[in-house]
Amino acid sequence: MIIKICGITSIAVAQAAKEAGADLLGFVFAESKRQIPVKEAIKIGQQVKGIGKVGVFVNKSLQEVQEIAQCCKLDFVQLHGEESPEYCRLVGRPIIKAFRVGPEFVIERCKEYPVSWMLLDSFSPGQYGGTGKTFDWQSMKSLSRQVTLPVMVAGGLTPENIALAIQTMTPKGIDVSGGVETNGNKDLDKIQQFIIAARKAERGNVTC
């Protein structure tokens, strides 16, 4: 199972996440309180090696996404907007495509996307992510049997509820940001607690 810590804005947090056992670091290039300047993301990528880098974008031009991905040497591009399947085909890098689980969520639509990962996030009107809310994991439990893509789960995950999320959905990946923060800043203890809890739950699933 892949663990992604998103909303990275400093070398110290990136290094701590890597040392705690995270697989991916997420840099938010969309409008957000966690948005990072491209130059800072480049600096972190140069200093913290041996861990995957993901850039998060919302409805950016294809050219801008490609340029940032090149500059930051991103391993994945994560798209949270209304990007089309054709847009995804043209990006030129492995893609994590986010789909918000809400009233208009249709699993068949997800199957049209030529991407590496399907990320399921919570739906909140006017927000493309970072809602801090969970969705109904039970209702999505059978999803993995309906799609061939590996599923990543996001939305309201915390050290306290991640075990239940994993036990319910058995995702191939999990993505957390606000759930490992205190007063809007990444909390190194929470990052460690989150990863420990996730790995314990993962081992439990393996032995079931």
C-alpha atoms as a PDB file:
ATOM      1  CA  MET A   1       0.000   0.000   0.000  1.00  0.00           C
ATOM      2  CA  ILE A   2       1.239   3.461  -0.974  1.00  0.00           C
ATOM      3  CA  ILE A   3       1.130   6.268   1.616  1.00  0.00           C
ATOM      4  CA  LYS A   4       1.161   9.862   0.357  1.00  0.00           C
ATOM      5  CA  ILE A   5       1.662  12.855   2.626  1.00  0.00           C
ATOM      6  CA  CYS A   6       0.316  15.884   0.783  1.00  0.00           C
ATOM      7  CA  GLY A   7       0.692  19.618   1.277  1.00  0.00           C
ATOM      8  CA  ILE A   8       4.453  19.481   1.845  1.00  0.00           C
ATOM      9  CA  THR A   9       5.974  22.963   2.140  1.00  0.00           C
ATOM     10  CA  SER A  10       9.326  22.463   3.898  1.00  0.00           C
ATOM     11  CA  ILE A  11      12.433  20.304   3.753  1.00  0.00           C
ATOM     12  CA  ALA A  12      12.051  19.365   7.429  1.00  0.00           C
ATOM     13  CA  VAL A  13       8.543  17.970   6.969  1.00  0.00           C
ATOM     14  CA  ALA A  14       9.482  16.217   3.730  1.00  0.00           C
ATOM     15  CA  GLN A  15      12.441  14.537   5.410  1.00  0.00           C
ATOM     16  CA  ALA A  16      10.344  13.548   8.437  1.00  0.00           C
ATOM     17  CA  ALA A  17       7.655  12.028   6.208  1.00  0.00           C
ATOM     18  CA  LYS A  18      10.269  10.030   4.320  1.00  0.00           C
ATOM     19  CA  GLU A  19      11.902   8.788   7.522  1.00  0.00           C
ATOM     20  CA  ALA A  20       8.499   7.812   8.944  1.00  0.00           C
ATOM     21  CA  GLY A  21       7.911   5.548   5.942  1.00  0.00           C
ATOM     22  CA  ALA A  22       5.849   7.579   3.470  1.00  0.00           C
ATOM     23  CA  ASP A  23       6.100   6.590  -0.192  1.00  0.00           C
ATOM     24  CA  LEU A  24       5.063   9.861  -1.833  1.00  0.00           C
ATOM     25  CA  LEU A  25       5.306  13.579  -1.066  1.00  0.00           C
ATOM     26  CA  GLY A  26       2.609  15.864  -2.443  1.00  0.00           C
ATOM     27  CA  PHE A  27       3.246  19.448  -3.577  1.00  0.00           C
ATOM     28  CA  VAL A  28       0.127  21.561  -4.083  1.00  0.00           C
ATOM     29  CA  PHE A  29       0.425  23.914  -7.057  1.00  0.00           C
ATOM     30  CA  ALA A  30      -3.276  24.778  -7.056  1.00  0.00           C
ATOM     31  CA  GLU A  31      -4.795  27.656  -5.073  1.00  0.00           C
ATOM     32  CA  SER A  32      -4.749  26.490  -1.475  1.00  0.00           C
ATOM     33  CA  LYS A  33      -3.479  27.413   1.954  1.00  0.00           C
ATOM     34  CA  ARG A  34      -0.931  24.658   1.296  1.00  0.00           C
ATOM     35  CA  GLN A  35       0.167  25.992  -2.102  1.00  0.00           C
ATOM     36  CA  ILE A  36       3.926  25.929  -2.635  1.00  0.00           C
ATOM     37  CA  PRO A  37       6.012  28.072  -5.021  1.00  0.00           C
ATOM     38  CA  VAL A  38       7.667  26.037  -7.757  1.00  0.00           C
ATOM     39  CA  LYS A  39      11.132  27.136  -6.619  1.00  0.00           C
ATOM     40  CA  GLU A  40      10.496  25.784  -3.117  1.00  0.00           C
ATOM     41  CA  ALA A  41       9.256  22.456  -4.464  1.00  0.00           C
ATOM     42  CA  ILE A  42      12.405  22.169  -6.596  1.00  0.00           C
ATOM     43  CA  LYS A  43      14.569  22.875  -3.548  1.00  0.00           C
ATOM     44  CA  ILE A  44      12.804  20.224  -1.463  1.00  0.00           C
ATOM     45  CA  GLY A  45      13.082  17.694  -4.273  1.00  0.00           C
ATOM     46  CA  GLN A  46      16.821  18.319  -4.536  1.00  0.00           C
ATOM     47  CA  GLN A  47      17.348  17.920  -0.794  1.00  0.00           C
ATOM     48  CA  VAL A  48      15.034  14.994  -0.028  1.00  0.00           C
ATOM     49  CA  LYS A  49      15.800  12.093  -2.325  1.00  0.00           C
ATOM     50  CA  GLY A  50      14.649   8.486  -2.444  1.00  0.00           C
ATOM     51  CA  ILE A  51      10.922   9.216  -2.231  1.00  0.00           C
ATOM     52  CA  GLY A  52       8.319   9.846  -4.945  1.00  0.00           C
ATOM     53  CA  LYS A  53       7.181  13.397  -5.747  1.00  0.00           C
ATOM     54  CA  VAL A  54       3.615  14.289  -6.754  1.00  0.00           C
ATOM     55  CA  GLY A  55       2.353  17.630  -8.051  1.00  0.00           C
ATOM     56  CA  VAL A  56      -1.292  18.512  -7.375  1.00  0.00           C
ATOM     57  CA  PHE A  57      -3.079  20.662  -9.973  1.00  0.00           C
ATOM     58  CA  VAL A  58      -6.622  21.947 -10.533  1.00  0.00           C
ATOM     59  CA  ASN A  59      -7.690  22.961 -14.054  1.00  0.00           C
ATOM     60  CA  LYS A  60      -4.257  24.287 -15.041  1.00  0.00           C
ATOM     61  CA  SER A  61      -3.212  24.608 -18.674  1.00  0.00           C
ATOM     62  CA  LEU A  62      -1.522  21.538 -20.062  1.00  0.00           C
ATOM     63  CA  GLN A  63       1.619  23.512 -20.815  1.00  0.00           C
ATOM     64  CA  GLU A  64       1.912  24.807 -17.245  1.00  0.00           C
ATOM     65  CA  VAL A  65       1.463  21.326 -15.788  1.00  0.00           C
ATOM     66  CA  GLN A  66       4.086  19.881 -18.108  1.00  0.00           C
ATOM     67  CA  GLU A  67       6.576  22.669 -17.361  1.00  0.00           C
ATOM     68  CA  ILE A  68       6.195  22.359 -13.587  1.00  0.00           C
ATOM     69  CA  ALA A  69       6.401  18.559 -13.782  1.00  0.00           C
ATOM     70  CA  GLN A  70       9.654  18.878 -15.720  1.00  0.00           C
ATOM     71  CA  CYS A  71      11.188  21.504 -13.422  1.00  0.00           C
ATOM     72  CA  CYS A  72      10.291  19.609 -10.254  1.00  0.00           C
ATOM     73  CA  LYS A  73      11.064  16.165 -11.704  1.00  0.00           C
ATOM     74  CA  LEU A  74       7.649  14.917 -10.603  1.00  0.00           C
ATOM     75  CA  ASP A  75       6.976  11.179 -10.555  1.00  0.00           C
ATOM     76  CA  PHE A  76       3.201  11.719 -10.719  1.00  0.00           C
ATOM     77  CA  VAL A  77       0.806  14.476 -11.715  1.00  0.00           C
ATOM     78  CA  GLN A  78      -2.328  14.541  -9.551  1.00  0.00           C
ATOM     79  CA  LEU A  79      -5.358  16.198 -11.154  1.00  0.00           C
ATOM     80  CA  HIS A  80      -8.257  17.432  -9.013  1.00  0.00           C
ATOM     81  CA  GLY A  81     -10.309  19.470 -11.478  1.00  0.00           C
ATOM     82  CA  GLU A  82     -12.492  18.834 -14.512  1.00  0.00           C
ATOM     83  CA  GLU A  83      -9.619  17.593 -16.637  1.00  0.00           C
ATOM     84  CA  SER A  84     -10.806  15.365 -19.493  1.00  0.00           C
ATOM     85  CA  PRO A  85      -9.554  11.905 -20.482  1.00  0.00           C
ATOM     86  CA  GLU A  86      -7.933  13.506 -23.531  1.00  0.00           C
ATOM     87  CA  TYR A  87      -6.121  16.036 -21.323  1.00  0.00           C
ATOM     88  CA  CYS A  88      -4.787  13.141 -19.244  1.00  0.00           C
ATOM     89  CA  ARG A  89      -3.499  11.388 -22.356  1.00  0.00           C
ATOM     90  CA  LEU A  90      -1.421  14.445 -23.244  1.00  0.00           C
ATOM     91  CA  VAL A  91       0.215  15.126 -19.866  1.00  0.00           C
ATOM     92  CA  GLY A  92       3.098  12.754 -20.530  1.00  0.00           C
ATOM     93  CA  ARG A  93       3.572  11.529 -16.957  1.00  0.00           C
ATOM     94  CA  PRO A  94       1.855   8.977 -14.721  1.00  0.00           C
ATOM     95  CA  ILE A  95      -1.393  10.465 -13.427  1.00  0.00           C
ATOM     96  CA  ILE A  96      -3.388  10.222 -10.219  1.00  0.00           C
ATOM     97  CA  LYS A  97      -6.893  11.414 -11.114  1.00  0.00           C
ATOM     98  CA  ALA A  98      -9.140  12.550  -8.285  1.00  0.00           C
ATOM     99  CA  PHE A  99     -12.880  11.876  -8.334  1.00  0.00           C
ATOM    100  CA  ARG A 100     -15.124  13.363  -5.681  1.00  0.00           C
ATOM    101  CA  VAL A 101     -17.611  10.938  -4.180  1.00  0.00           C
ATOM    102  CA  GLY A 102     -20.863  12.887  -4.228  1.00  0.00           C
ATOM    103  CA  PRO A 103     -24.291  13.064  -5.871  1.00  0.00           C
ATOM    104  CA  GLU A 104     -22.862  13.083  -9.408  1.00  0.00           C
ATOM    105  CA  PHE A 105     -20.235  10.385  -8.921  1.00  0.00           C
ATOM    106  CA  VAL A 106     -20.517   7.681 -11.602  1.00  0.00           C
ATOM    107  CA  ILE A 107     -18.049   4.813 -11.584  1.00  0.00           C
ATOM    108  CA  GLU A 108     -18.425   4.235 -15.327  1.00  0.00           C
ATOM    109  CA  ARG A 109     -17.066   7.727 -16.025  1.00  0.00           C
ATOM    110  CA  CYS A 110     -13.890   6.920 -14.094  1.00  0.00           C
ATOM    111  CA  LYS A 111     -13.160   4.014 -16.399  1.00  0.00           C
ATOM    112  CA  GLU A 112     -12.735   6.405 -19.341  1.00  0.00           C
ATOM    113  CA  TYR A 113      -9.542   7.893 -17.904  1.00  0.00           C
ATOM    114  CA  PRO A 114      -6.113   6.632 -19.043  1.00  0.00           C
ATOM    115  CA  VAL A 115      -4.461   7.113 -15.655  1.00  0.00           C
ATOM    116  CA  SER A 116      -2.273   5.182 -13.205  1.00  0.00           C
ATOM    117  CA  TRP A 117      -4.373   5.740 -10.081  1.00  0.00           C
ATOM    118  CA  MET A 118      -7.964   6.614  -9.234  1.00  0.00           C
ATOM    119  CA  LEU A 119      -8.159   8.794  -6.134  1.00  0.00           C
ATOM    120  CA  LEU A 120     -11.474   8.935  -4.300  1.00  0.00           C
ATOM    121  CA  ASP A 121     -11.968  12.135  -2.321  1.00  0.00           C
ATOM    122  CA  SER A 122     -14.847  13.680  -0.421  1.00  0.00           C
ATOM    123  CA  PHE A 123     -17.305  15.942  -2.179  1.00  0.00           C
ATOM    124  CA  SER A 124     -17.885  19.436  -0.851  1.00  0.00           C
ATOM    125  CA  PRO A 125     -19.536  22.124  -3.045  1.00  0.00           C
ATOM    126  CA  GLY A 126     -16.994  24.619  -4.349  1.00  0.00           C
ATOM    127  CA  GLN A 127     -13.958  22.661  -3.130  1.00  0.00           C
ATOM    128  CA  TYR A 128     -11.630  20.470  -5.154  1.00  0.00           C
ATOM    129  CA  GLY A 129      -9.951  18.798  -2.198  1.00  0.00           C
ATOM    130  CA  GLY A 130      -8.683  19.381   1.305  1.00  0.00           C
ATOM    131  CA  THR A 131     -12.214  19.285   2.721  1.00  0.00           C
ATOM    132  CA  GLY A 132     -11.221  17.470   5.912  1.00  0.00           C
ATOM    133  CA  LYS A 133     -14.356  15.358   5.517  1.00  0.00           C
ATOM    134  CA  THR A 134     -14.679  11.634   4.963  1.00  0.00           C
ATOM    135  CA  PHE A 135     -17.031  10.010   2.463  1.00  0.00           C
ATOM    136  CA  ASP A 136     -19.078   6.847   2.951  1.00  0.00           C
ATOM    137  CA  TRP A 137     -16.365   4.186   2.737  1.00  0.00           C
ATOM    138  CA  GLN A 138     -18.887   1.375   3.054  1.00  0.00           C
ATOM    139  CA  SER A 139     -20.755   2.500  -0.070  1.00  0.00           C
ATOM    140  CA  MET A 140     -17.500   2.372  -2.059  1.00  0.00           C
ATOM    141  CA  LYS A 141     -16.369  -0.956  -0.614  1.00  0.00           C
ATOM    142  CA  SER A 142     -17.056  -2.949  -3.775  1.00  0.00           C
ATOM    143  CA  LEU A 143     -15.370  -0.394  -6.038  1.00  0.00           C
ATOM    144  CA  SER A 144     -12.126  -2.333  -6.365  1.00  0.00           C
ATOM    145  CA  ARG A 145     -14.051  -5.166  -7.999  1.00  0.00           C
ATOM    146  CA  GLN A 146     -15.529  -2.796 -10.598  1.00  0.00           C
ATOM    147  CA  VAL A 147     -12.366  -1.100 -11.827  1.00  0.00           C
ATOM    148  CA  THR A 148      -8.946  -2.322 -12.876  1.00  0.00           C
ATOM    149  CA  LEU A 149      -7.140   0.799 -11.664  1.00  0.00           C
ATOM    150  CA  PRO A 150      -5.545   0.844  -8.206  1.00  0.00           C
ATOM    151  CA  VAL A 151      -7.619   2.985  -5.832  1.00  0.00           C
ATOM    152  CA  MET A 152      -6.234   5.654  -3.520  1.00  0.00           C
ATOM    153  CA  VAL A 153      -8.421   7.042  -0.728  1.00  0.00           C
ATOM    154  CA  ALA A 154      -8.368  10.627   0.567  1.00  0.00           C
ATOM    155  CA  GLY A 155     -10.640  12.950   2.510  1.00  0.00           C
ATOM    156  CA  GLY A 156     -10.726  13.390   6.261  1.00  0.00           C
ATOM    157  CA  LEU A 157      -8.197  10.670   7.049  1.00  0.00           C
ATOM    158  CA  THR A 158      -6.522  10.880  10.468  1.00  0.00           C
ATOM    159  CA  PRO A 159      -4.339   8.668  12.690  1.00  0.00           C
ATOM    160  CA  GLU A 160      -7.558   7.756  14.550  1.00  0.00           C
ATOM    161  CA  ASN A 161      -9.679   6.622  11.585  1.00  0.00           C
ATOM    162  CA  ILE A 162      -7.161   5.360   9.029  1.00  0.00           C
ATOM    163  CA  ALA A 163      -7.334   1.768  10.283  1.00  0.00           C
ATOM    164  CA  LEU A 164     -11.104   1.673   9.730  1.00  0.00           C
ATOM    165  CA  ALA A 165     -10.730   3.210   6.270  1.00  0.00           C
ATOM    166  CA  ILE A 166      -8.197   0.558   5.287  1.00  0.00           C
ATOM    167  CA  GLN A 167     -10.196  -2.298   6.808  1.00  0.00           C
ATOM    168  CA  THR A 168     -13.340  -1.135   5.001  1.00  0.00           C
ATOM    169  CA  MET A 169     -11.984  -0.327   1.551  1.00  0.00           C
ATOM    170  CA  THR A 170      -8.618  -2.166   1.342  1.00  0.00           C
ATOM    171  CA  PRO A 171      -7.216   0.576  -0.920  1.00  0.00           C
ATOM    172  CA  LYS A 172      -3.901   0.309  -2.731  1.00  0.00           C
ATOM    173  CA  GLY A 173      -3.038   3.821  -1.581  1.00  0.00           C
ATOM    174  CA  ILE A 174      -3.979   6.511   0.958  1.00  0.00           C
ATOM    175  CA  ASP A 175      -3.511  10.286   0.766  1.00  0.00           C
ATOM    176  CA  VAL A 176      -3.499  12.583   3.804  1.00  0.00           C
ATOM    177  CA  SER A 177      -2.901  16.278   4.397  1.00  0.00           C
ATOM    178  CA  GLY A 178      -5.043  18.085   6.980  1.00  0.00           C
ATOM    179  CA  GLY A 179      -5.358  14.970   9.137  1.00  0.00           C
ATOM    180  CA  VAL A 180      -1.672  15.193  10.046  1.00  0.00           C
ATOM    181  CA  GLU A 181      -1.718  18.890  10.871  1.00  0.00           C
ATOM    182  CA  THR A 182      -2.105  20.922  14.050  1.00  0.00           C
ATOM    183  CA  ASN A 183      -3.335  24.509  13.704  1.00  0.00           C
ATOM    184  CA  GLY A 184      -2.804  24.368   9.952  1.00  0.00           C
ATOM    185  CA  ASN A 185       0.790  23.160  10.101  1.00  0.00           C
ATOM    186  CA  LYS A 186       2.171  19.687   9.488  1.00  0.00           C
ATOM    187  CA  ASP A 187       2.647  17.861  12.807  1.00  0.00           C
ATOM    188  CA  LEU A 188       5.599  15.467  12.716  1.00  0.00           C
ATOM    189  CA  ASP A 189       4.188  13.313  15.518  1.00  0.00           C
ATOM    190  CA  LYS A 190       0.853  12.983  13.709  1.00  0.00           C
ATOM    191  CA  ILE A 191       2.609  12.003  10.487  1.00  0.00           C
ATOM    192  CA  GLN A 192       4.420   9.251  12.329  1.00  0.00           C
ATOM    193  CA  GLN A 193       1.271   8.111  14.153  1.00  0.00           C
ATOM    194  CA  PHE A 194      -0.676   8.060  10.883  1.00  0.00           C
ATOM    195  CA  ILE A 195       1.882   5.930   9.091  1.00  0.00           C
ATOM    196  CA  ILE A 196       2.256   3.517  12.018  1.00  0.00           C
ATOM    197  CA  ALA A 197      -1.526   3.071  12.226  1.00  0.00           C
ATOM    198  CA  ALA A 198      -1.799   2.600   8.455  1.00  0.00           C
ATOM    199  CA  ARG A 199       0.943  -0.016   8.317  1.00  0.00           C
ATOM    200  CA  LYS A 200      -0.591  -1.928  11.233  1.00  0.00           C
ATOM    201  CA  ALA A 201      -3.956  -1.962   9.485  1.00  0.00           C
ATOM    202  CA  GLU A 202      -2.309  -3.029   6.240  1.00  0.00           C
ATOM    203  CA  ARG A 203      -0.639  -5.988   7.929  1.00  0.00           C
ATOM    204  CA  GLY A 204      -3.966  -6.913   9.480  1.00  0.00           C
ATOM    205  CA  ASN A 205      -5.589  -6.979   6.034  1.00  0.00           C
ATOM    206  CA  VAL A 206      -2.835  -9.148   4.660  1.00  0.00           C
ATOM    207  CA  THR A 207      -3.372 -11.814   7.288  1.00  0.00           C
ATOM    208  CA  CYS A 208      -7.184 -11.858   7.060  1.00  0.00           C
END
